[in-house]
Structures are given as structure tokens and as C-alpha cells.
All heavy atoms as atom14 arrays in JSON, in Angstrom:
{
  "sequence": "AGVVLTGVSAGSICWHVGGTTDSFGPELRPITNGLGLLPWSNGVHYDS",
  "atom14_mask": [
    [1, 1, 1, 1, 1, 0, 0, 0, 0, 0, 0, 0, 0, 0],
    [1, 1, 1, 1, 0, 0, 0, 0, 0, 0, 0, 0, 0, 0],
    [1, 1, 1, 1, 1, 1, 1, 0, 0, 0, 0, 0, 0, 0],
    [1, 1, 1, 1, 1, 1, 1, 0, 0, 0, 0, 0, 0, 0],
    [1, 1, 1, 1, 1, 1, 1, 1, 0, 0, 0, 0, 0, 0],
    [1, 1, 1, 1, 1, 1, 1, 0, 0, 0, 0, 0, 0, 0],
    [1, 1, 1, 1, 0, 0, 0, 0, 0, 0, 0, 0, 0, 0],
    [1, 1, 1, 1, 1, 1, 1, 0, 0, 0, 0, 0, 0, 0],
    [1, 1, 1, 1, 1, 1, 0, 0, 0, 0, 0, 0, 0, 0],
    [1, 1, 1, 1, 1, 0, 0, 0, 0, 0, 0, 0, 0, 0],
    [1, 1, 1, 1, 0, 0, 0, 0, 0, 0, 0, 0, 0, 0],
    [1, 1, 1, 1, 1, 1, 0, 0, 0, 0, 0, 0, 0, 0],
    [1, 1, 1, 1, 1, 1, 1, 1, 0, 0, 0, 0, 0, 0],
    [1, 1, 1, 1, 1, 1, 0, 0, 0, 0, 0, 0, 0, 0],
    [1, 1, 1, 1, 1, 1, 1, 1, 1, 1, 1, 1, 1, 1],
    [1, 1, 1, 1, 1, 1, 1, 1, 1, 1, 0, 0, 0, 0],
    [1, 1, 1, 1, 1, 1, 1, 0, 0, 0, 0, 0, 0, 0],
    [1, 1, 1, 1, 0, 0, 0, 0, 0, 0, 0, 0, 0, 0],
    [1, 1, 1, 1, 0, 0, 0, 0, 0, 0, 0, 0, 0, 0],
    [1, 1, 1, 1, 1, 1, 1, 0, 0, 0, 0, 0, 0, 0],
    [1, 1, 1, 1, 1, 1, 1, 0, 0, 0, 0, 0, 0, 0],
    [1, 1, 1, 1, 1, 1, 1, 1, 0, 0, 0, 0, 0, 0],
    [1, 1, 1, 1, 1, 1, 0, 0, 0, 0, 0, 0, 0, 0],
    [1, 1, 1, 1, 1, 1, 1, 1, 1, 1, 1, 0, 0, 0],
    [1, 1, 1, 1, 0, 0, 0, 0, 0, 0, 0, 0, 0, 0],
    [1, 1, 1, 1, 1, 1, 1, 0, 0, 0, 0, 0, 0, 0],
    [1, 1, 1, 1, 1, 1, 1, 1, 1, 0, 0, 0, 0, 0],
    [1, 1, 1, 1, 1, 1, 1, 1, 0, 0, 0, 0, 0, 0],
    [1, 1, 1, 1, 1, 1, 1, 1, 1, 1, 1, 0, 0, 0],
    [1, 1, 1, 1, 1, 1, 1, 0, 0, 0, 0, 0, 0, 0],
    [1, 1, 1, 1, 1, 1, 1, 1, 0, 0, 0, 0, 0, 0],
    [1, 1, 1, 1, 1, 1, 1, 0, 0, 0, 0, 0, 0, 0],
    [1, 1, 1, 1, 1, 1, 1, 1, 0, 0, 0, 0, 0, 0],
    [1, 1, 1, 1, 0, 0, 0, 0, 0, 0, 0, 0, 0, 0],
    [1, 1, 1, 1, 1, 1, 1, 1, 0, 0, 0, 0, 0, 0],
    [1, 1, 1, 1, 0, 0, 0, 0, 0, 0, 0, 0, 0, 0],
    [1, 1, 1, 1, 1, 1, 1, 1, 0, 0, 0, 0, 0, 0],
    [1, 1, 1, 1, 1, 1, 1, 1, 0, 0, 0, 0, 0, 0],
    [1, 1, 1, 1, 1, 1, 1, 0, 0, 0, 0, 0, 0, 0],
    [1, 1, 1, 1, 1, 1, 1, 1, 1, 1, 1, 1, 1, 1],
    [1, 1, 1, 1, 1, 1, 0, 0, 0, 0, 0, 0, 0, 0],
    [1, 1, 1, 1, 1, 1, 1, 1, 0, 0, 0, 0, 0, 0],
    [1, 1, 1, 1, 0, 0, 0, 0, 0, 0, 0, 0, 0, 0],
    [1, 1, 1, 1, 1, 1, 1, 0, 0, 0, 0, 0, 0, 0],
    [1, 1, 1, 1, 1, 1, 1, 1, 1, 1, 0, 0, 0, 0],
    [1, 1, 1, 1, 1, 1, 1, 1, 1, 1, 1, 1, 0, 0],
    [1, 1, 1, 1, 1, 1, 1, 1, 0, 0, 0, 0, 0, 0],
    [1, 1, 1, 1, 1, 1, 0, 0, 0, 0, 0, 0, 0, 0]
  ],
  "atom14_positions": [
    [[0.74, -1.19, 0.07], [-0.01, 0.05, -0.01], [0.89, 1.28, -0.01], [0.26, 2.38, -0.14], [-0.88, 0.03, 1.23], [0.0, 0.0, 0.0], [0.0, 0.0, 0.0], [0.0, 0.0, 0.0], [0.0, 0.0, 0.0], [0.0, 0.0, 0.0], [0.0, 0.0, 0.0], [0.0, 0.0, 0.0], [0.0, 0.0, 0.0], [0.0, 0.0, 0.0]],
    [[2.24, 1.11, 0.05], [3.04, 2.31, 0.01], [3.48, 2.87, 1.38], [4.22, 3.83, 1.37], [0.0, 0.0, 0.0], [0.0, 0.0, 0.0], [0.0, 0.0, 0.0], [0.0, 0.0, 0.0], [0.0, 0.0, 0.0], [0.0, 0.0, 0.0], [0.0, 0.0, 0.0], [0.0, 0.0, 0.0], [0.0, 0.0, 0.0], [0.0, 0.0, 0.0]],
    [[3.34, 2.14, 2.41], [3.86, 2.47, 3.82], [5.35, 2.02, 3.69], [5.62, 1.0, 3.3], [3.22, 1.72, 4.89], [3.9, 2.01, 6.23], [1.62, 1.95, 4.99], [0.0, 0.0, 0.0], [0.0, 0.0, 0.0], [0.0, 0.0, 0.0], [0.0, 0.0, 0.0], [0.0, 0.0, 0.0], [0.0, 0.0, 0.0], [0.0, 0.0, 0.0]],
    [[6.35, 3.0, 3.99], [7.62, 2.8, 3.82], [8.12, 1.92, 4.97], [7.78, 2.33, 6.23], [8.45, 4.05, 3.92], [9.97, 3.8, 3.87], [8.06, 4.87, 2.71], [0.0, 0.0, 0.0], [0.0, 0.0, 0.0], [0.0, 0.0, 0.0], [0.0, 0.0, 0.0], [0.0, 0.0, 0.0], [0.0, 0.0, 0.0], [0.0, 0.0, 0.0]],
    [[8.8, 0.8, 4.8], [9.12, -0.13, 5.81], [10.77, 0.13, 5.97], [11.49, 0.17, 5.02], [8.98, -1.51, 5.5], [7.6, -1.95, 5.13], [7.49, -3.5, 4.87], [6.59, -1.64, 6.13], [0.0, 0.0, 0.0], [0.0, 0.0, 0.0], [0.0, 0.0, 0.0], [0.0, 0.0, 0.0], [0.0, 0.0, 0.0], [0.0, 0.0, 0.0]],
    [[11.18, 0.31, 7.21], [12.65, 0.57, 7.55], [12.95, -0.24, 8.96], [12.1, -0.66, 9.51], [13.12, 2.04, 7.59], [14.49, 2.12, 7.55], [12.4, 2.64, 8.86], [0.0, 0.0, 0.0], [0.0, 0.0, 0.0], [0.0, 0.0, 0.0], [0.0, 0.0, 0.0], [0.0, 0.0, 0.0], [0.0, 0.0, 0.0], [0.0, 0.0, 0.0]],
    [[14.17, -0.23, 9.04], [14.73, -1.04, 10.29], [16.15, -1.2, 10.32], [16.86, -1.05, 9.27], [0.0, 0.0, 0.0], [0.0, 0.0, 0.0], [0.0, 0.0, 0.0], [0.0, 0.0, 0.0], [0.0, 0.0, 0.0], [0.0, 0.0, 0.0], [0.0, 0.0, 0.0], [0.0, 0.0, 0.0], [0.0, 0.0, 0.0], [0.0, 0.0, 0.0]],
    [[16.62, -1.62, 11.49], [18.02, -1.87, 11.8], [18.29, -3.25, 12.11], [17.63, -3.81, 12.95], [18.59, -0.85, 12.73], [17.81, -0.88, 14.0], [20.1, -1.08, 13.0], [0.0, 0.0, 0.0], [0.0, 0.0, 0.0], [0.0, 0.0, 0.0], [0.0, 0.0, 0.0], [0.0, 0.0, 0.0], [0.0, 0.0, 0.0], [0.0, 0.0, 0.0]],
    [[19.31, -3.86, 11.64], [19.77, -5.3, 12.05], [18.69, -6.3, 11.79], [18.27, -6.52, 10.69], [20.31, -5.14, 13.46], [20.98, -6.29, 13.77], [0.0, 0.0, 0.0], [0.0, 0.0, 0.0], [0.0, 0.0, 0.0], [0.0, 0.0, 0.0], [0.0, 0.0, 0.0], [0.0, 0.0, 0.0], [0.0, 0.0, 0.0], [0.0, 0.0, 0.0]],
    [[18.08, -6.81, 12.83], [16.87, -7.64, 12.73], [15.91, -7.05, 11.86], [15.11, -7.6, 11.13], [16.42, -8.16, 14.02], [0.0, 0.0, 0.0], [0.0, 0.0, 0.0], [0.0, 0.0, 0.0], [0.0, 0.0, 0.0], [0.0, 0.0, 0.0], [0.0, 0.0, 0.0], [0.0, 0.0, 0.0], [0.0, 0.0, 0.0], [0.0, 0.0, 0.0]],
    [[15.72, -5.72, 12.06], [14.76, -4.92, 11.37], [15.12, -4.65, 9.91], [14.39, -4.13, 9.14], [0.0, 0.0, 0.0], [0.0, 0.0, 0.0], [0.0, 0.0, 0.0], [0.0, 0.0, 0.0], [0.0, 0.0, 0.0], [0.0, 0.0, 0.0], [0.0, 0.0, 0.0], [0.0, 0.0, 0.0], [0.0, 0.0, 0.0], [0.0, 0.0, 0.0]],
    [[16.37, -5.17, 9.47], [16.75, -5.16, 8.16], [16.58, -6.59, 7.55], [16.05, -6.81, 6.45], [18.11, -4.6, 7.97], [18.67, -4.63, 6.82], [0.0, 0.0, 0.0], [0.0, 0.0, 0.0], [0.0, 0.0, 0.0], [0.0, 0.0, 0.0], [0.0, 0.0, 0.0], [0.0, 0.0, 0.0], [0.0, 0.0, 0.0], [0.0, 0.0, 0.0]],
    [[17.15, -7.57, 8.28], [17.18, -8.9, 7.65], [15.68, -9.45, 7.44], [15.44, -10.05, 6.51], [17.88, -9.9, 8.82], [19.38, -9.44, 8.84], [17.78, -11.36, 8.26], [19.93, -10.28, 10.08], [0.0, 0.0, 0.0], [0.0, 0.0, 0.0], [0.0, 0.0, 0.0], [0.0, 0.0, 0.0], [0.0, 0.0, 0.0], [0.0, 0.0, 0.0]],
    [[14.83, -8.97, 8.25], [13.46, -9.57, 8.25], [12.71, -9.46, 7.0], [12.07, -10.3, 6.61], [12.5, -8.94, 9.38], [12.3, -7.15, 9.13], [0.0, 0.0, 0.0], [0.0, 0.0, 0.0], [0.0, 0.0, 0.0], [0.0, 0.0, 0.0], [0.0, 0.0, 0.0], [0.0, 0.0, 0.0], [0.0, 0.0, 0.0], [0.0, 0.0, 0.0]],
    [[12.96, -8.37, 6.24], [12.3, -8.22, 4.97], [12.81, -9.15, 3.89], [12.2, -9.33, 2.84], [12.5, -6.72, 4.46], [12.35, -5.74, 5.54], [13.31, -4.76, 5.97], [11.19, -5.37, 6.3], [12.76, -4.1, 7.0], [11.44, -4.36, 7.23], [9.88, -6.0, 6.37], [10.57, -3.88, 8.13], [8.98, -5.51, 7.29], [9.34, -4.52, 8.24]],
    [[14.06, -9.7, 4.02], [14.68, -10.49, 3.0], [14.43, -12.0, 3.15], [13.59, -12.45, 4.2], [16.16, -10.24, 3.17], [16.67, -8.85, 2.9], [16.5, -7.83, 3.87], [17.29, -8.28, 1.88], [16.97, -6.71, 3.45], [17.41, -6.95, 2.15], [0.0, 0.0, 0.0], [0.0, 0.0, 0.0], [0.0, 0.0, 0.0], [0.0, 0.0, 0.0]],
    [[15.04, -12.8, 2.43], [14.99, -14.15, 2.51], [15.62, -14.82, 3.74], [15.17, -15.59, 4.47], [15.57, -14.89, 1.35], [15.64, -16.52, 1.53], [14.83, -14.55, 0.01], [0.0, 0.0, 0.0], [0.0, 0.0, 0.0], [0.0, 0.0, 0.0], [0.0, 0.0, 0.0], [0.0, 0.0, 0.0], [0.0, 0.0, 0.0], [0.0, 0.0, 0.0]],
    [[16.71, -14.14, 4.17], [17.39, -14.44, 5.26], [18.87, -13.71, 5.45], [19.08, -12.9, 4.6], [0.0, 0.0, 0.0], [0.0, 0.0, 0.0], [0.0, 0.0, 0.0], [0.0, 0.0, 0.0], [0.0, 0.0, 0.0], [0.0, 0.0, 0.0], [0.0, 0.0, 0.0], [0.0, 0.0, 0.0], [0.0, 0.0, 0.0], [0.0, 0.0, 0.0]],
    [[19.67, -14.26, 6.37], [20.95, -13.69, 6.63], [21.67, -14.24, 7.67], [21.48, -15.5, 7.92], [0.0, 0.0, 0.0], [0.0, 0.0, 0.0], [0.0, 0.0, 0.0], [0.0, 0.0, 0.0], [0.0, 0.0, 0.0], [0.0, 0.0, 0.0], [0.0, 0.0, 0.0], [0.0, 0.0, 0.0], [0.0, 0.0, 0.0], [0.0, 0.0, 0.0]],
    [[22.5, -13.56, 8.39], [23.2, -14.14, 9.53], [22.67, -13.52, 10.79], [22.43, -12.32, 10.76], [24.73, -13.86, 9.34], [24.98, -12.49, 9.32], [25.32, -14.48, 8.05], [0.0, 0.0, 0.0], [0.0, 0.0, 0.0], [0.0, 0.0, 0.0], [0.0, 0.0, 0.0], [0.0, 0.0, 0.0], [0.0, 0.0, 0.0], [0.0, 0.0, 0.0]],
    [[22.72, -14.31, 11.86], [22.08, -13.92, 13.04], [22.81, -14.51, 14.31], [23.31, -15.59, 14.29], [20.54, -14.22, 13.17], [20.02, -13.82, 14.26], [20.43, -15.73, 13.1], [0.0, 0.0, 0.0], [0.0, 0.0, 0.0], [0.0, 0.0, 0.0], [0.0, 0.0, 0.0], [0.0, 0.0, 0.0], [0.0, 0.0, 0.0], [0.0, 0.0, 0.0]],
    [[22.79, -13.77, 15.38], [23.21, -14.18, 16.62], [21.93, -14.56, 17.51], [22.01, -14.63, 18.81], [24.05, -13.29, 17.43], [23.51, -11.84, 17.69], [22.17, -11.64, 17.25], [24.18, -10.94, 18.16], [0.0, 0.0, 0.0], [0.0, 0.0, 0.0], [0.0, 0.0, 0.0], [0.0, 0.0, 0.0], [0.0, 0.0, 0.0], [0.0, 0.0, 0.0]],
    [[20.8, -14.8, 16.94], [19.69, -15.11, 17.68], [19.7, -16.35, 18.52], [19.03, -16.59, 19.52], [18.45, -15.22, 16.74], [18.16, -14.11, 16.04], [0.0, 0.0, 0.0], [0.0, 0.0, 0.0], [0.0, 0.0, 0.0], [0.0, 0.0, 0.0], [0.0, 0.0, 0.0], [0.0, 0.0, 0.0], [0.0, 0.0, 0.0], [0.0, 0.0, 0.0]],
    [[20.67, -17.29, 18.04], [20.69, -18.62, 18.75], [21.94, -18.74, 19.56], [22.08, -19.73, 20.22], [20.71, -19.62, 17.6], [19.69, -19.51, 16.64], [19.84, -19.12, 15.29], [18.29, -20.04, 17.11], [18.75, -18.94, 14.36], [17.39, -19.86, 16.09], [17.55, -19.4, 14.82], [0.0, 0.0, 0.0], [0.0, 0.0, 0.0], [0.0, 0.0, 0.0]],
    [[22.81, -17.66, 19.6], [23.97, -17.72, 20.5], [25.06, -16.91, 19.91], [24.96, -16.3, 18.85], [0.0, 0.0, 0.0], [0.0, 0.0, 0.0], [0.0, 0.0, 0.0], [0.0, 0.0, 0.0], [0.0, 0.0, 0.0], [0.0, 0.0, 0.0], [0.0, 0.0, 0.0], [0.0, 0.0, 0.0], [0.0, 0.0, 0.0], [0.0, 0.0, 0.0]],
    [[26.25, -16.73, 20.65], [27.29, -15.87, 20.13], [27.95, -16.35, 18.84], [28.58, -15.46, 18.18], [28.29, -15.92, 21.33], [27.92, -17.16, 22.08], [26.53, -17.47, 21.94], [0.0, 0.0, 0.0], [0.0, 0.0, 0.0], [0.0, 0.0, 0.0], [0.0, 0.0, 0.0], [0.0, 0.0, 0.0], [0.0, 0.0, 0.0], [0.0, 0.0, 0.0]],
    [[27.93, -17.65, 18.48], [28.3, -18.11, 17.15], [27.3, -17.87, 16.19], [26.19, -18.39, 16.36], [28.86, -19.49, 17.24], [29.91, -19.91, 18.08], [31.21, -19.15, 17.51], [31.41, -19.15, 16.39], [31.98, -18.77, 18.44], [0.0, 0.0, 0.0], [0.0, 0.0, 0.0], [0.0, 0.0, 0.0], [0.0, 0.0, 0.0], [0.0, 0.0, 0.0]],
    [[27.56, -17.0, 15.19], [26.5, -16.62, 14.33], [25.99, -17.88, 13.38], [26.82, -18.79, 13.18], [26.96, -15.56, 13.25], [27.41, -14.28, 13.79], [27.85, -13.34, 12.58], [26.35, -13.7, 14.66], [0.0, 0.0, 0.0], [0.0, 0.0, 0.0], [0.0, 0.0, 0.0], [0.0, 0.0, 0.0], [0.0, 0.0, 0.0], [0.0, 0.0, 0.0]],
    [[24.68, -17.95, 13.11], [24.2, -18.87, 12.3], [23.34, -18.35, 11.22], [22.87, -17.15, 11.35], [23.33, -19.83, 13.3], [24.1, -20.79, 14.04], [23.28, -21.39, 15.13], [22.07, -22.18, 14.55], [21.17, -22.84, 15.4], [21.41, -22.91, 16.71], [20.25, -23.4, 14.66], [0.0, 0.0, 0.0], [0.0, 0.0, 0.0], [0.0, 0.0, 0.0]],
    [[23.09, -19.06, 10.25], [22.1, -18.65, 9.13], [20.66, -18.68, 9.6], [20.29, -19.47, 10.4], [22.26, -19.59, 7.93], [22.72, -20.81, 8.54], [23.53, -20.44, 9.86], [0.0, 0.0, 0.0], [0.0, 0.0, 0.0], [0.0, 0.0, 0.0], [0.0, 0.0, 0.0], [0.0, 0.0, 0.0], [0.0, 0.0, 0.0], [0.0, 0.0, 0.0]],
    [[19.95, -17.66, 9.1], [18.49, -17.76, 9.23], [17.86, -17.62, 7.78], [18.34, -16.81, 7.06], [17.87, -16.67, 10.2], [16.43, -16.88, 10.43], [18.21, -15.32, 9.55], [16.02, -16.28, 11.71], [0.0, 0.0, 0.0], [0.0, 0.0, 0.0], [0.0, 0.0, 0.0], [0.0, 0.0, 0.0], [0.0, 0.0, 0.0], [0.0, 0.0, 0.0]],
    [[17.02, -18.46, 7.47], [16.56, -18.59, 6.04], [15.03, -18.45, 5.88], [14.49, -18.75, 4.86], [16.95, -20.07, 5.45], [16.41, -20.99, 6.26], [18.56, -20.09, 5.47], [0.0, 0.0, 0.0], [0.0, 0.0, 0.0], [0.0, 0.0, 0.0], [0.0, 0.0, 0.0], [0.0, 0.0, 0.0], [0.0, 0.0, 0.0], [0.0, 0.0, 0.0]],
    [[14.37, -18.06, 7.05], [12.88, -18.01, 6.89], [12.32, -16.62, 7.05], [11.45, -16.3, 7.83], [12.24, -18.9, 8.04], [12.47, -18.47, 9.43], [13.53, -17.81, 9.74], [11.55, -18.8, 10.37], [0.0, 0.0, 0.0], [0.0, 0.0, 0.0], [0.0, 0.0, 0.0], [0.0, 0.0, 0.0], [0.0, 0.0, 0.0], [0.0, 0.0, 0.0]],
    [[13.04, -15.64, 6.49], [12.57, -14.2, 6.5], [11.27, -14.05, 5.76], [10.79, -14.92, 5.22], [0.0, 0.0, 0.0], [0.0, 0.0, 0.0], [0.0, 0.0, 0.0], [0.0, 0.0, 0.0], [0.0, 0.0, 0.0], [0.0, 0.0, 0.0], [0.0, 0.0, 0.0], [0.0, 0.0, 0.0], [0.0, 0.0, 0.0], [0.0, 0.0, 0.0]],
    [[10.74, -12.83, 5.89], [9.43, -12.64, 5.25], [9.42, -12.75, 3.75], [8.47, -13.07, 3.09], [8.92, -11.22, 5.55], [8.65, -10.81, 7.01], [8.02, -9.54, 7.21], [7.84, -12.0, 7.72], [0.0, 0.0, 0.0], [0.0, 0.0, 0.0], [0.0, 0.0, 0.0], [0.0, 0.0, 0.0], [0.0, 0.0, 0.0], [0.0, 0.0, 0.0]],
    [[10.67, -12.61, 3.24], [10.79, -12.75, 1.73], [10.14, -11.71, 0.82], [9.77, -11.88, -0.29], [0.0, 0.0, 0.0], [0.0, 0.0, 0.0], [0.0, 0.0, 0.0], [0.0, 0.0, 0.0], [0.0, 0.0, 0.0], [0.0, 0.0, 0.0], [0.0, 0.0, 0.0], [0.0, 0.0, 0.0], [0.0, 0.0, 0.0], [0.0, 0.0, 0.0]],
    [[9.8, -10.53, 1.41], [9.39, -9.37, 0.62], [10.29, -9.1, -0.41], [9.96, -8.76, -1.59], [9.0, -8.21, 1.54], [7.98, -8.3, 2.62], [7.79, -6.98, 3.31], [6.67, -8.9, 2.22], [0.0, 0.0, 0.0], [0.0, 0.0, 0.0], [0.0, 0.0, 0.0], [0.0, 0.0, 0.0], [0.0, 0.0, 0.0], [0.0, 0.0, 0.0]],
    [[11.52, -9.27, -0.17], [12.69, -9.08, -1.01], [13.29, -10.39, -1.22], [13.62, -11.08, -0.35], [13.65, -8.12, -0.43], [13.15, -6.78, 0.07], [14.21, -6.05, 0.86], [12.64, -5.96, -1.19], [0.0, 0.0, 0.0], [0.0, 0.0, 0.0], [0.0, 0.0, 0.0], [0.0, 0.0, 0.0], [0.0, 0.0, 0.0], [0.0, 0.0, 0.0]],
    [[13.61, -10.74, -2.52], [14.14, -12.06, -2.85], [15.61, -12.24, -2.65], [16.25, -13.16, -3.32], [13.77, -12.18, -4.31], [13.89, -10.79, -4.88], [13.4, -9.94, -3.74], [0.0, 0.0, 0.0], [0.0, 0.0, 0.0], [0.0, 0.0, 0.0], [0.0, 0.0, 0.0], [0.0, 0.0, 0.0], [0.0, 0.0, 0.0], [0.0, 0.0, 0.0]],
    [[16.29, -11.44, -1.82], [17.72, -11.45, -1.61], [17.93, -11.77, -0.25], [17.1, -11.73, 0.69], [18.2, -10.01, -1.82], [17.72, -9.41, -3.16], [16.7, -8.34, -3.08], [18.02, -9.67, -4.44], [16.36, -7.92, -4.31], [17.26, -8.82, -5.26], [18.89, -10.47, -5.13], [17.19, -8.81, -6.64], [18.93, -10.46, -6.47], [18.19, -9.59, -7.28]],
    [[19.2, -12.05, 0.03], [19.62, -12.24, 1.48], [20.24, -10.98, 1.88], [20.39, -9.86, 1.17], [20.74, -13.38, 1.61], [21.87, -13.2, 0.76], [0.0, 0.0, 0.0], [0.0, 0.0, 0.0], [0.0, 0.0, 0.0], [0.0, 0.0, 0.0], [0.0, 0.0, 0.0], [0.0, 0.0, 0.0], [0.0, 0.0, 0.0], [0.0, 0.0, 0.0]],
    [[20.6, -10.89, 3.18], [20.85, -9.59, 3.74], [22.01, -9.78, 4.87], [21.8, -10.57, 5.83], [19.77, -8.88, 4.47], [20.08, -7.43, 4.87], [19.53, -7.19, 5.99], [20.85, -6.68, 4.3], [0.0, 0.0, 0.0], [0.0, 0.0, 0.0], [0.0, 0.0, 0.0], [0.0, 0.0, 0.0], [0.0, 0.0, 0.0], [0.0, 0.0, 0.0]],
    [[23.14, -9.14, 4.76], [24.15, -9.18, 5.79], [24.23, -7.82, 6.52], [24.24, -6.74, 5.81], [0.0, 0.0, 0.0], [0.0, 0.0, 0.0], [0.0, 0.0, 0.0], [0.0, 0.0, 0.0], [0.0, 0.0, 0.0], [0.0, 0.0, 0.0], [0.0, 0.0, 0.0], [0.0, 0.0, 0.0], [0.0, 0.0, 0.0], [0.0, 0.0, 0.0]],
    [[24.18, -7.87, 7.76], [24.16, -6.57, 8.59], [25.51, -6.57, 9.41], [26.2, -7.54, 9.59], [22.93, -6.39, 9.53], [21.69, -6.32, 8.64], [22.86, -7.68, 10.52], [0.0, 0.0, 0.0], [0.0, 0.0, 0.0], [0.0, 0.0, 0.0], [0.0, 0.0, 0.0], [0.0, 0.0, 0.0], [0.0, 0.0, 0.0], [0.0, 0.0, 0.0]],
    [[25.82, -5.35, 9.99], [26.99, -5.21, 10.72], [28.3, -5.76, 10.06], [29.04, -6.37, 10.7], [26.82, -5.84, 12.25], [25.53, -5.24, 12.84], [25.24, -3.97, 13.04], [24.45, -6.17, 13.42], [24.06, -3.89, 13.72], [23.54, -5.13, 13.9], [0.0, 0.0, 0.0], [0.0, 0.0, 0.0], [0.0, 0.0, 0.0], [0.0, 0.0, 0.0]],
    [[28.31, -5.51, 8.87], [29.39, -6.17, 8.02], [30.85, -5.84, 8.49], [31.67, -6.61, 8.18], [29.09, -5.7, 6.53], [29.38, -6.88, 5.62], [29.03, -8.17, 5.66], [30.29, -6.51, 4.53], [29.21, -9.08, 4.65], [30.54, -7.45, 3.47], [30.07, -8.78, 3.51], [30.39, -9.63, 2.6], [0.0, 0.0, 0.0], [0.0, 0.0, 0.0]],
    [[31.01, -4.61, 9.0], [32.32, -4.15, 9.29], [32.58, -4.27, 10.78], [33.75, -3.99, 11.19], [32.63, -2.8, 8.69], [31.71, -1.8, 9.3], [30.58, -2.08, 9.88], [32.06, -0.59, 9.41], [0.0, 0.0, 0.0], [0.0, 0.0, 0.0], [0.0, 0.0, 0.0], [0.0, 0.0, 0.0], [0.0, 0.0, 0.0], [0.0, 0.0, 0.0]],
    [[31.6, -4.46, 11.64], [31.84, -4.36, 12.99], [31.76, -5.67, 13.89], [32.25, -5.59, 14.99], [30.75, -3.41, 13.61], [29.42, -3.99, 13.4], [0.0, 0.0, 0.0], [0.0, 0.0, 0.0], [0.0, 0.0, 0.0], [0.0, 0.0, 0.0], [0.0, 0.0, 0.0], [0.0, 0.0, 0.0], [0.0, 0.0, 0.0], [0.0, 0.0, 0.0]]
  ]
}
């Protein structure tokens, strides 16, 4: 409907197919069940 969606980190990955996450612990793991509004994956905090 044209509402602009934005967000940071988890609020960025969620719109995509998936990405990398520390949701499960300090060792990062993949997450692949994003909303899929966007058909891409997403990497956040890439430099930090």
C-alpha cells in the first residue's frame, strides 16, 4: 500500500529471505525464513 518499511539489524534482515544472526547464540548462524518481501539475502553489521 506504500507504507515505507525501515529498520536496523533484525529490522533489516526480516524483509529479506534470510541472513546471518546471533539469535541462537554468540556463534553466528544462518536464518533462512525471513518474510521474503525481497528475494535477496541480507548481511548486517558487516564491518563491526
